[in-house]
């Protein structure tokens, strides 16, 4: 019985990690609204260390279409600006000497559909991880039967892992529906 709980907890941990990764990936998708998370992947050389932009500046969203970046030190302005230009953010920064502004352009209908498709692919990748975790537990349970585990315990384990699987798949579907609504809202 302890073996069963160990299998289930490992699988649920893998499913939770896949969902957390998905949440982070979806947060970085630019949905036509200002979101400070689109800068999470941008790294700058901050005193010899590659650091995220928020380690060297305050990042705010003064309105729905603008991100403002105010460095702690003025000397970091060109470094941050260059890092944003060279990143995959795809927005040209506006530097006024004190603050860097990113104007988020409105999305076209085609671009919205493209982003939804990208998000759906991320969700499918997470679902694959969840399904693989379920399959691994079921395979382990089948091997455990050969090693002396009672069949009824194995069947209970399969039912429990299926319930856990369904819970995480539903969470992934909910995350996608929420992001799709955010992207498609004009």
N, C-alpha and C. Protein backbone atom coordinates (compact mmCIF):
# COMPACT_ATOMS: atom_id res chain seq x y z
N UNK A 1 0.83 -1.20 0.00
CA UNK A 1 0.00 0.00 0.00
C UNK A 1 0.88 1.27 0.00
N UNK A 2 1.95 1.23 0.75
CA UNK A 2 2.86 2.37 0.78
C UNK A 2 3.49 2.57 -0.59
N UNK A 3 3.73 1.44 -1.28
CA UNK A 3 4.30 1.49 -2.62
C UNK A 3 3.35 2.21 -3.58
N UNK A 4 2.06 1.94 -3.44
CA UNK A 4 1.04 2.57 -4.28
C UNK A 4 1.03 4.08 -4.07
N UNK A 5 1.07 4.51 -2.81
CA UNK A 5 1.07 5.94 -2.50
C UNK A 5 2.31 6.62 -3.08
N UNK A 6 3.43 5.92 -3.05
CA UNK A 6 4.67 6.46 -3.60
C UNK A 6 4.53 6.67 -5.12
N UNK A 7 3.98 5.68 -5.82
CA UNK A 7 3.75 5.79 -7.27
C UNK A 7 2.85 6.98 -7.57
N UNK A 8 1.74 7.07 -6.81
CA UNK A 8 0.76 8.13 -7.06
C UNK A 8 1.34 9.51 -6.77
N UNK A 9 2.11 9.64 -5.69
CA UNK A 9 2.65 10.96 -5.35
C UNK A 9 3.69 11.40 -6.38
N UNK A 10 4.51 10.46 -6.88
CA UNK A 10 5.49 10.81 -7.92
C UNK A 10 4.77 11.27 -9.19
N UNK A 11 3.73 10.56 -9.56
CA UNK A 11 2.99 10.91 -10.77
C UNK A 11 2.31 12.27 -10.61
N UNK A 12 1.70 12.50 -9.46
CA UNK A 12 1.02 13.79 -9.27
C UNK A 12 2.02 14.94 -9.26
N UNK A 13 3.20 14.70 -8.71
CA UNK A 13 4.24 15.72 -8.71
C UNK A 13 4.65 16.07 -10.14
N UNK A 14 4.82 15.05 -10.98
CA UNK A 14 5.18 15.29 -12.39
C UNK A 14 4.06 16.06 -13.10
N UNK A 15 2.81 15.71 -12.80
CA UNK A 15 1.68 16.39 -13.42
C UNK A 15 1.61 17.84 -12.98
N UNK A 16 1.88 18.09 -11.71
CA UNK A 16 1.85 19.45 -11.18
C UNK A 16 2.97 20.29 -11.81
N UNK A 17 4.16 19.70 -11.97
CA UNK A 17 5.27 20.41 -12.59
C UNK A 17 4.94 20.78 -14.03
N UNK A 18 4.30 19.85 -14.76
CA UNK A 18 3.93 20.13 -16.15
C UNK A 18 2.94 21.29 -16.21
N UNK A 19 2.01 21.33 -15.28
CA UNK A 19 1.00 22.39 -15.26
C UNK A 19 1.64 23.73 -14.86
N UNK A 20 2.56 23.70 -13.92
CA UNK A 20 3.24 24.94 -13.53
C UNK A 20 4.06 25.48 -14.69
N UNK A 21 4.74 24.60 -15.41
CA UNK A 21 5.51 25.03 -16.58
C UNK A 21 4.58 25.66 -17.62
N UNK A 22 3.41 25.04 -17.81
CA UNK A 22 2.44 25.57 -18.76
C UNK A 22 1.97 26.96 -18.35
N UNK A 23 1.69 27.16 -17.07
CA UNK A 23 1.26 28.47 -16.58
C UNK A 23 2.31 29.53 -16.90
N UNK A 24 3.59 29.19 -16.68
CA UNK A 24 4.66 30.14 -16.98
C UNK A 24 4.75 30.42 -18.48
N UNK A 25 4.63 29.37 -19.27
CA UNK A 25 4.71 29.53 -20.73
C UNK A 25 3.57 30.39 -21.25
N UNK A 26 2.37 30.18 -20.74
CA UNK A 26 1.21 30.96 -21.17
C UNK A 26 1.32 32.41 -20.71
N UNK A 27 1.94 32.63 -19.56
CA UNK A 27 2.09 34.00 -19.05
C UNK A 27 3.01 34.82 -19.96
N UNK A 28 3.95 34.16 -20.65
CA UNK A 28 4.87 34.87 -21.52
C UNK A 28 4.28 35.20 -22.88
N UNK A 29 3.13 34.61 -23.21
CA UNK A 29 2.52 34.87 -24.51
C UNK A 29 1.89 36.25 -24.48
N UNK A 30 2.27 37.07 -25.46
CA UNK A 30 1.78 38.44 -25.54
C UNK A 30 0.37 38.42 -26.10
N UNK A 31 -0.59 38.85 -25.32
CA UNK A 31 -2.00 38.78 -25.72
C UNK A 31 -2.58 40.15 -26.08
N UNK A 32 -1.76 41.08 -26.47
CA UNK A 32 -2.25 42.39 -26.85
C UNK A 32 -2.44 43.33 -25.68
N UNK A 33 -2.17 42.84 -24.49
CA UNK A 33 -2.27 43.66 -23.28
C UNK A 33 -0.89 43.69 -22.63
N UNK A 34 -0.61 44.76 -21.92
CA UNK A 34 0.67 44.88 -21.23
C UNK A 34 0.74 43.85 -20.11
N UNK A 35 1.80 43.07 -20.11
CA UNK A 35 2.01 42.04 -19.10
C UNK A 35 3.50 41.99 -18.81
N UNK A 36 3.88 42.23 -17.57
CA UNK A 36 5.30 42.29 -17.23
C UNK A 36 6.00 40.95 -17.46
N UNK A 37 5.26 39.86 -17.53
CA UNK A 37 5.86 38.54 -17.69
C UNK A 37 6.45 38.32 -19.09
N UNK A 38 6.10 39.17 -20.05
CA UNK A 38 6.72 38.97 -21.37
C UNK A 38 8.21 39.29 -21.33
N UNK A 39 8.66 39.96 -20.27
CA UNK A 39 10.09 40.28 -20.13
C UNK A 39 10.84 39.25 -19.29
N UNK A 40 10.15 38.23 -18.81
CA UNK A 40 10.80 37.24 -17.94
C UNK A 40 11.98 36.54 -18.61
N UNK A 41 11.91 36.32 -19.91
CA UNK A 41 12.98 35.60 -20.60
C UNK A 41 14.13 36.52 -21.01
N UNK A 42 13.96 37.83 -20.88
CA UNK A 42 15.01 38.77 -21.28
C UNK A 42 16.07 38.82 -20.18
N UNK A 43 17.32 38.59 -20.57
CA UNK A 43 18.44 38.60 -19.62
C UNK A 43 19.40 39.72 -19.98
N UNK A 44 19.95 40.34 -18.93
CA UNK A 44 20.92 41.42 -19.13
C UNK A 44 22.19 41.09 -18.34
N UNK A 45 23.29 41.72 -18.75
CA UNK A 45 24.55 41.57 -18.03
C UNK A 45 24.52 42.60 -16.89
N UNK A 46 24.27 42.13 -15.67
CA UNK A 46 24.15 43.01 -14.51
C UNK A 46 25.31 42.70 -13.57
N UNK A 47 26.34 43.52 -13.63
CA UNK A 47 27.56 43.35 -12.84
C UNK A 47 28.18 41.96 -13.05
N UNK A 48 28.29 41.58 -14.32
CA UNK A 48 28.97 40.33 -14.66
C UNK A 48 28.12 39.09 -14.57
N UNK A 49 26.85 39.23 -14.25
CA UNK A 49 25.96 38.08 -14.12
C UNK A 49 24.76 38.26 -15.04
N UNK A 50 24.40 37.20 -15.74
CA UNK A 50 23.18 37.28 -16.56
C UNK A 50 21.99 37.24 -15.61
N UNK A 51 21.22 38.31 -15.61
CA UNK A 51 20.10 38.45 -14.69
C UNK A 51 18.85 38.86 -15.44
N UNK A 52 17.66 38.57 -14.87
CA UNK A 52 16.44 39.06 -15.50
C UNK A 52 16.36 40.58 -15.36
N UNK A 53 15.59 41.20 -16.24
CA UNK A 53 15.47 42.67 -16.23
C UNK A 53 14.97 43.17 -14.88
N UNK A 54 14.04 42.43 -14.25
CA UNK A 54 13.47 42.91 -12.99
C UNK A 54 14.48 42.91 -11.84
N UNK A 55 15.68 42.37 -12.05
CA UNK A 55 16.73 42.44 -11.03
C UNK A 55 17.44 43.80 -11.06
N UNK A 56 17.30 44.51 -12.19
CA UNK A 56 17.99 45.79 -12.34
C UNK A 56 17.04 46.96 -12.51
N UNK A 57 15.72 46.68 -12.52
CA UNK A 57 14.77 47.75 -12.77
C UNK A 57 13.41 47.41 -12.18
N UNK A 58 12.61 48.45 -12.03
CA UNK A 58 11.22 48.28 -11.63
C UNK A 58 10.39 48.23 -12.92
N UNK A 59 9.58 47.19 -13.06
CA UNK A 59 8.76 47.03 -14.26
C UNK A 59 7.30 47.22 -13.87
N UNK A 60 6.63 48.16 -14.53
CA UNK A 60 5.22 48.43 -14.22
C UNK A 60 4.41 48.51 -15.51
N UNK A 61 3.10 48.48 -15.35
CA UNK A 61 2.19 48.66 -16.48
C UNK A 61 1.28 49.85 -16.16
N UNK A 62 1.69 51.06 -16.59
CA UNK A 62 0.89 52.24 -16.29
C UNK A 62 -0.50 52.23 -16.95
N UNK A 63 -0.61 51.56 -18.09
CA UNK A 63 -1.92 51.40 -18.72
C UNK A 63 -1.95 50.05 -19.44
N UNK A 64 -3.06 49.74 -20.07
CA UNK A 64 -3.26 48.42 -20.67
C UNK A 64 -2.34 48.12 -21.85
N UNK A 65 -1.74 49.14 -22.46
CA UNK A 65 -0.91 48.91 -23.64
C UNK A 65 0.55 49.36 -23.47
N UNK A 66 0.97 49.64 -22.25
CA UNK A 66 2.32 50.14 -22.03
C UNK A 66 2.99 49.41 -20.87
N UNK A 67 4.26 49.09 -21.08
CA UNK A 67 5.10 48.57 -20.00
C UNK A 67 6.19 49.60 -19.78
N UNK A 68 6.38 50.01 -18.54
CA UNK A 68 7.41 50.98 -18.19
C UNK A 68 8.51 50.28 -17.39
N UNK A 69 9.76 50.53 -17.79
CA UNK A 69 10.91 49.93 -17.12
C UNK A 69 11.78 51.06 -16.60
N UNK A 70 11.90 51.16 -15.28
CA UNK A 70 12.72 52.21 -14.66
C UNK A 70 13.90 51.54 -13.96
N UNK A 71 15.09 51.65 -14.59
CA UNK A 71 16.27 51.02 -13.99
C UNK A 71 16.65 51.67 -12.66
N UNK A 72 17.26 50.88 -11.79
CA UNK A 72 17.74 51.40 -10.52
C UNK A 72 18.90 52.37 -10.75
N UNK A 73 19.65 52.14 -11.85
CA UNK A 73 20.78 53.00 -12.19
C UNK A 73 20.64 53.43 -13.65
N UNK A 74 20.89 54.69 -13.93
CA UNK A 74 20.76 55.20 -15.31
C UNK A 74 21.70 54.49 -16.28
N UNK A 75 22.84 54.04 -15.78
CA UNK A 75 23.81 53.37 -16.64
C UNK A 75 23.25 52.07 -17.24
N UNK A 76 22.21 51.54 -16.65
CA UNK A 76 21.62 50.29 -17.14
C UNK A 76 20.62 50.51 -18.28
N UNK A 77 20.23 51.76 -18.54
CA UNK A 77 19.26 52.04 -19.61
C UNK A 77 19.67 51.44 -20.95
N UNK A 78 20.87 51.74 -21.47
CA UNK A 78 21.23 51.18 -22.78
C UNK A 78 21.37 49.65 -22.76
N UNK A 79 21.80 49.10 -21.64
CA UNK A 79 21.96 47.64 -21.53
C UNK A 79 20.60 46.96 -21.62
N UNK A 80 19.62 47.49 -20.88
CA UNK A 80 18.28 46.92 -20.90
C UNK A 80 17.65 47.09 -22.28
N UNK A 81 17.82 48.29 -22.83
CA UNK A 81 17.25 48.57 -24.16
C UNK A 81 17.80 47.59 -25.21
N UNK A 82 19.11 47.39 -25.19
CA UNK A 82 19.74 46.49 -26.16
C UNK A 82 19.26 45.04 -25.96
N UNK A 83 19.11 44.63 -24.71
CA UNK A 83 18.65 43.27 -24.42
C UNK A 83 17.23 43.05 -24.95
N UNK A 84 16.37 44.06 -24.81
CA UNK A 84 14.99 43.94 -25.31
C UNK A 84 14.99 43.89 -26.83
N UNK A 85 15.81 44.71 -27.47
CA UNK A 85 15.89 44.72 -28.94
C UNK A 85 16.36 43.35 -29.45
N UNK A 86 17.33 42.76 -28.77
CA UNK A 86 17.89 41.47 -29.20
C UNK A 86 17.06 40.27 -28.77
N UNK A 87 16.04 40.48 -27.95
CA UNK A 87 15.23 39.36 -27.46
C UNK A 87 14.12 39.01 -28.45
N UNK A 88 13.33 38.01 -28.07
CA UNK A 88 12.21 37.58 -28.90
C UNK A 88 10.91 38.31 -28.54
N UNK A 89 11.01 39.37 -27.75
CA UNK A 89 9.81 40.12 -27.34
C UNK A 89 9.11 40.71 -28.56
N UNK A 90 9.89 41.22 -29.50
CA UNK A 90 9.32 41.74 -30.74
C UNK A 90 8.73 43.13 -30.64
N UNK A 91 9.15 43.90 -29.64
CA UNK A 91 8.65 45.27 -29.47
C UNK A 91 9.86 46.19 -29.37
N UNK A 92 9.82 47.29 -30.09
CA UNK A 92 10.92 48.24 -30.07
C UNK A 92 10.76 49.14 -28.84
N UNK A 93 11.77 49.20 -27.97
CA UNK A 93 11.68 50.05 -26.77
C UNK A 93 11.85 51.53 -27.11
N UNK A 94 11.21 52.36 -26.30
CA UNK A 94 11.32 53.81 -26.43
C UNK A 94 12.03 54.31 -25.17
N UNK A 95 13.21 54.90 -25.34
CA UNK A 95 14.03 55.34 -24.22
C UNK A 95 13.99 56.86 -24.15
N UNK A 96 13.51 57.40 -23.01
CA UNK A 96 13.47 58.85 -22.88
C UNK A 96 14.57 59.38 -21.96
N UNK A 97 15.54 58.54 -21.63
CA UNK A 97 16.64 58.97 -20.78
C UNK A 97 16.47 58.60 -19.32
N UNK A 98 15.25 58.29 -18.91
CA UNK A 98 15.00 57.87 -17.53
C UNK A 98 14.21 56.57 -17.47
N UNK A 99 13.28 56.42 -18.39
CA UNK A 99 12.39 55.26 -18.40
C UNK A 99 12.37 54.67 -19.80
N UNK A 100 12.32 53.37 -19.87
CA UNK A 100 12.14 52.68 -21.15
C UNK A 100 10.67 52.27 -21.22
N UNK A 101 10.02 52.61 -22.32
CA UNK A 101 8.62 52.24 -22.50
C UNK A 101 8.50 51.24 -23.64
N UNK A 102 7.62 50.29 -23.44
CA UNK A 102 7.28 49.35 -24.50
C UNK A 102 5.80 49.54 -24.81
N UNK A 103 5.50 49.96 -26.02
CA UNK A 103 4.11 50.13 -26.45
C UNK A 103 3.64 48.81 -27.07
N UNK A 104 2.65 48.21 -26.48
CA UNK A 104 2.13 46.93 -26.97
C UNK A 104 1.17 47.22 -28.13
N UNK A 105 1.50 46.79 -29.34
CA UNK A 105 0.60 47.05 -30.47
C UNK A 105 -0.64 46.15 -30.40
N UNK A 106 -1.76 46.63 -30.92
CA UNK A 106 -2.94 45.76 -30.96
C UNK A 106 -2.69 44.59 -31.91
N UNK A 107 -3.26 43.45 -31.58
CA UNK A 107 -3.04 42.25 -32.39
C UNK A 107 -4.05 42.16 -33.53
N UNK A 108 -3.59 41.67 -34.67
CA UNK A 108 -4.50 41.42 -35.79
C UNK A 108 -5.23 40.10 -35.52
N UNK A 109 -6.30 39.87 -36.24
CA UNK A 109 -7.07 38.64 -36.08
C UNK A 109 -6.21 37.42 -36.39
N UNK A 110 -5.40 37.49 -37.45
CA UNK A 110 -4.53 36.37 -37.81
C UNK A 110 -3.51 36.08 -36.71
N UNK A 111 -2.94 37.14 -36.15
CA UNK A 111 -1.95 36.97 -35.09
C UNK A 111 -2.60 36.37 -33.85
N UNK A 112 -3.84 36.76 -33.56
CA UNK A 112 -4.56 36.19 -32.42
C UNK A 112 -4.74 34.68 -32.61
N UNK A 113 -5.15 34.29 -33.82
CA UNK A 113 -5.34 32.86 -34.10
C UNK A 113 -4.02 32.11 -33.98
N UNK A 114 -2.96 32.73 -34.45
CA UNK A 114 -1.63 32.14 -34.38
C UNK A 114 -1.22 31.92 -32.91
N UNK A 115 -1.47 32.92 -32.07
CA UNK A 115 -1.14 32.81 -30.65
C UNK A 115 -1.96 31.73 -29.96
N UNK A 116 -3.25 31.63 -30.32
CA UNK A 116 -4.11 30.59 -29.75
C UNK A 116 -3.57 29.22 -30.14
N UNK A 117 -3.15 29.08 -31.40
CA UNK A 117 -2.60 27.82 -31.88
C UNK A 117 -1.32 27.46 -31.09
N UNK A 118 -0.48 28.47 -30.86
CA UNK A 118 0.76 28.26 -30.09
C UNK A 118 0.43 27.82 -28.66
N UNK A 119 -0.56 28.46 -28.05
CA UNK A 119 -0.97 28.11 -26.69
C UNK A 119 -1.54 26.70 -26.64
N UNK A 120 -2.32 26.35 -27.66
CA UNK A 120 -2.91 25.01 -27.71
C UNK A 120 -1.80 23.96 -27.80
N UNK A 121 -0.74 24.25 -28.57
CA UNK A 121 0.38 23.31 -28.67
C UNK A 121 1.08 23.15 -27.32
N UNK A 122 1.26 24.26 -26.60
CA UNK A 122 1.86 24.18 -25.26
C UNK A 122 1.00 23.31 -24.34
N UNK A 123 -0.31 23.49 -24.44
CA UNK A 123 -1.23 22.70 -23.61
C UNK A 123 -1.15 21.22 -23.97
N UNK A 124 -1.08 20.92 -25.25
CA UNK A 124 -0.95 19.52 -25.68
C UNK A 124 0.34 18.90 -25.15
N UNK A 125 1.42 19.66 -25.18
CA UNK A 125 2.68 19.15 -24.64
C UNK A 125 2.55 18.82 -23.16
N UNK A 126 1.85 19.67 -22.41
CA UNK A 126 1.65 19.42 -20.98
C UNK A 126 0.75 18.20 -20.77
N UNK A 127 -0.25 18.05 -21.62
CA UNK A 127 -1.13 16.89 -21.51
C UNK A 127 -0.36 15.59 -21.76
N UNK A 128 0.59 15.64 -22.70
CA UNK A 128 1.41 14.46 -22.98
C UNK A 128 2.20 14.07 -21.73
N UNK A 129 2.76 15.06 -21.04
CA UNK A 129 3.52 14.78 -19.82
C UNK A 129 2.60 14.14 -18.77
N UNK A 130 1.38 14.67 -18.63
CA UNK A 130 0.43 14.14 -17.67
C UNK A 130 0.06 12.70 -18.03
N UNK A 131 -0.21 12.46 -19.30
CA UNK A 131 -0.56 11.10 -19.74
C UNK A 131 0.60 10.13 -19.54
N UNK A 132 1.81 10.59 -19.82
CA UNK A 132 2.98 9.73 -19.62
C UNK A 132 3.16 9.36 -18.15
N UNK A 133 2.91 10.32 -17.27
CA UNK A 133 3.01 10.04 -15.83
C UNK A 133 1.98 8.99 -15.43
N UNK A 134 0.76 9.09 -15.96
CA UNK A 134 -0.27 8.10 -15.67
C UNK A 134 0.16 6.73 -16.20
N UNK A 135 0.65 6.71 -17.44
CA UNK A 135 1.07 5.44 -18.05
C UNK A 135 2.20 4.79 -17.25
N UNK A 136 3.15 5.59 -16.79
CA UNK A 136 4.26 5.06 -16.00
C UNK A 136 3.77 4.40 -14.71
N UNK A 137 2.79 5.02 -14.06
CA UNK A 137 2.24 4.45 -12.83
C UNK A 137 1.53 3.14 -13.14
N UNK A 138 0.74 3.12 -14.19
CA UNK A 138 0.02 1.89 -14.55
C UNK A 138 1.00 0.77 -14.89
N UNK A 139 2.06 1.10 -15.62
CA UNK A 139 3.09 0.10 -15.94
C UNK A 139 3.76 -0.41 -14.66
N UNK A 140 4.06 0.50 -13.75
CA UNK A 140 4.69 0.10 -12.48
C UNK A 140 3.77 -0.79 -11.67
N UNK A 141 2.47 -0.48 -11.69
CA UNK A 141 1.51 -1.30 -10.95
C UNK A 141 1.42 -2.71 -11.56
N UNK A 142 1.45 -2.80 -12.85
CA UNK A 142 1.39 -4.11 -13.52
C UNK A 142 2.64 -4.94 -13.17
N UNK A 143 3.80 -4.29 -13.10
CA UNK A 143 5.02 -4.99 -12.70
C UNK A 143 4.93 -5.42 -11.24
N UNK A 144 4.31 -4.56 -10.41
CA UNK A 144 4.20 -4.87 -8.98
C UNK A 144 3.30 -6.08 -8.75
N UNK A 145 2.33 -6.31 -9.63
CA UNK A 145 1.47 -7.50 -9.50
C UNK A 145 2.33 -8.75 -9.62
N UNK A 146 3.26 -8.73 -10.55
CA UNK A 146 4.15 -9.88 -10.74
C UNK A 146 5.05 -10.09 -9.54
N UNK A 147 5.28 -9.01 -8.79
CA UNK A 147 6.14 -9.09 -7.60
C UNK A 147 5.33 -9.32 -6.32
N UNK A 148 4.02 -9.57 -6.47
CA UNK A 148 3.23 -9.94 -5.30
C UNK A 148 2.18 -8.94 -4.85
N UNK A 149 1.99 -7.85 -5.54
CA UNK A 149 0.95 -6.88 -5.15
C UNK A 149 -0.43 -7.49 -5.47
N UNK A 150 -1.38 -7.37 -4.55
CA UNK A 150 -2.73 -7.89 -4.82
C UNK A 150 -3.38 -7.14 -5.99
N UNK A 151 -4.18 -7.88 -6.78
CA UNK A 151 -4.80 -7.28 -7.97
C UNK A 151 -5.79 -6.19 -7.61
N UNK A 152 -6.51 -6.35 -6.49
CA UNK A 152 -7.48 -5.32 -6.12
C UNK A 152 -6.78 -4.00 -5.77
N UNK A 153 -5.61 -4.08 -5.18
CA UNK A 153 -4.83 -2.87 -4.87
C UNK A 153 -4.39 -2.20 -6.17
N UNK A 154 -3.99 -3.04 -7.14
CA UNK A 154 -3.58 -2.52 -8.44
C UNK A 154 -4.75 -1.82 -9.14
N UNK A 155 -5.93 -2.44 -9.10
CA UNK A 155 -7.12 -1.83 -9.73
C UNK A 155 -7.48 -0.51 -9.04
N UNK A 156 -7.40 -0.50 -7.70
CA UNK A 156 -7.66 0.74 -6.97
C UNK A 156 -6.65 1.83 -7.38
N UNK A 157 -5.39 1.42 -7.53
CA UNK A 157 -4.35 2.36 -7.95
C UNK A 157 -4.63 2.92 -9.33
N UNK A 158 -5.09 2.06 -10.25
CA UNK A 158 -5.43 2.54 -11.60
C UNK A 158 -6.57 3.55 -11.55
N UNK A 159 -7.59 3.26 -10.72
CA UNK A 159 -8.71 4.20 -10.59
C UNK A 159 -8.24 5.53 -10.00
N UNK A 160 -7.38 5.45 -8.98
CA UNK A 160 -6.90 6.68 -8.34
C UNK A 160 -6.05 7.51 -9.29
N UNK A 161 -5.17 6.85 -10.05
CA UNK A 161 -4.32 7.61 -10.97
C UNK A 161 -5.16 8.20 -12.09
N UNK A 162 -6.23 7.52 -12.48
CA UNK A 162 -7.11 8.08 -13.51
C UNK A 162 -7.80 9.34 -13.00
N UNK A 163 -8.23 9.33 -11.74
CA UNK A 163 -8.87 10.52 -11.15
C UNK A 163 -7.88 11.68 -11.06
N UNK A 164 -6.64 11.37 -10.65
CA UNK A 164 -5.62 12.41 -10.58
C UNK A 164 -5.34 12.95 -11.97
N UNK A 165 -5.22 12.05 -12.94
CA UNK A 165 -4.99 12.42 -14.35
C UNK A 165 -6.10 13.35 -14.83
N UNK A 166 -7.35 12.97 -14.59
CA UNK A 166 -8.49 13.77 -15.05
C UNK A 166 -8.48 15.17 -14.43
N UNK A 167 -8.10 15.25 -13.14
CA UNK A 167 -8.04 16.54 -12.45
C UNK A 167 -7.02 17.46 -13.13
N UNK A 168 -5.84 16.96 -13.45
CA UNK A 168 -4.80 17.80 -14.05
C UNK A 168 -5.11 18.14 -15.51
N UNK A 169 -5.72 17.20 -16.24
CA UNK A 169 -6.11 17.49 -17.62
C UNK A 169 -7.16 18.61 -17.62
N UNK A 170 -8.10 18.56 -16.68
CA UNK A 170 -9.12 19.60 -16.59
C UNK A 170 -8.47 20.95 -16.27
N UNK A 171 -7.48 20.95 -15.38
CA UNK A 171 -6.79 22.19 -15.04
C UNK A 171 -6.09 22.76 -16.27
N UNK A 172 -5.45 21.91 -17.07
CA UNK A 172 -4.78 22.35 -18.29
C UNK A 172 -5.81 22.93 -19.26
N UNK A 173 -6.95 22.24 -19.42
CA UNK A 173 -8.00 22.74 -20.31
C UNK A 173 -8.53 24.09 -19.83
N UNK A 174 -8.67 24.25 -18.52
CA UNK A 174 -9.14 25.52 -17.97
C UNK A 174 -8.14 26.64 -18.23
N UNK A 175 -6.84 26.34 -18.06
CA UNK A 175 -5.80 27.34 -18.34
C UNK A 175 -5.85 27.77 -19.80
N UNK A 176 -6.03 26.80 -20.69
CA UNK A 176 -6.09 27.12 -22.12
C UNK A 176 -7.32 27.97 -22.43
N UNK A 177 -8.48 27.60 -21.87
CA UNK A 177 -9.71 28.36 -22.14
C UNK A 177 -9.57 29.80 -21.67
N UNK A 178 -8.95 29.97 -20.51
CA UNK A 178 -8.74 31.31 -19.96
C UNK A 178 -7.81 32.13 -20.86
N UNK A 179 -6.72 31.51 -21.30
CA UNK A 179 -5.76 32.23 -22.15
C UNK A 179 -6.36 32.51 -23.52
N UNK A 180 -7.12 31.57 -24.06
CA UNK A 180 -7.77 31.77 -25.37
C UNK A 180 -8.73 32.95 -25.29
N UNK A 181 -9.49 33.01 -24.20
CA UNK A 181 -10.43 34.13 -24.04
C UNK A 181 -9.66 35.45 -23.95
N UNK A 182 -8.55 35.45 -23.21
CA UNK A 182 -7.73 36.67 -23.07
C UNK A 182 -7.18 37.12 -24.43
N UNK A 183 -6.70 36.16 -25.22
CA UNK A 183 -6.11 36.50 -26.52
C UNK A 183 -7.18 36.98 -27.50
N UNK A 184 -8.32 36.33 -27.54
CA UNK A 184 -9.34 36.64 -28.54
C UNK A 184 -10.17 37.86 -28.18
N UNK A 185 -10.09 38.32 -26.93
CA UNK A 185 -10.83 39.53 -26.54
C UNK A 185 -10.14 40.74 -27.12
N UNK A 186 -10.90 41.52 -27.88
CA UNK A 186 -10.32 42.70 -28.53
C UNK A 186 -10.39 43.89 -27.59
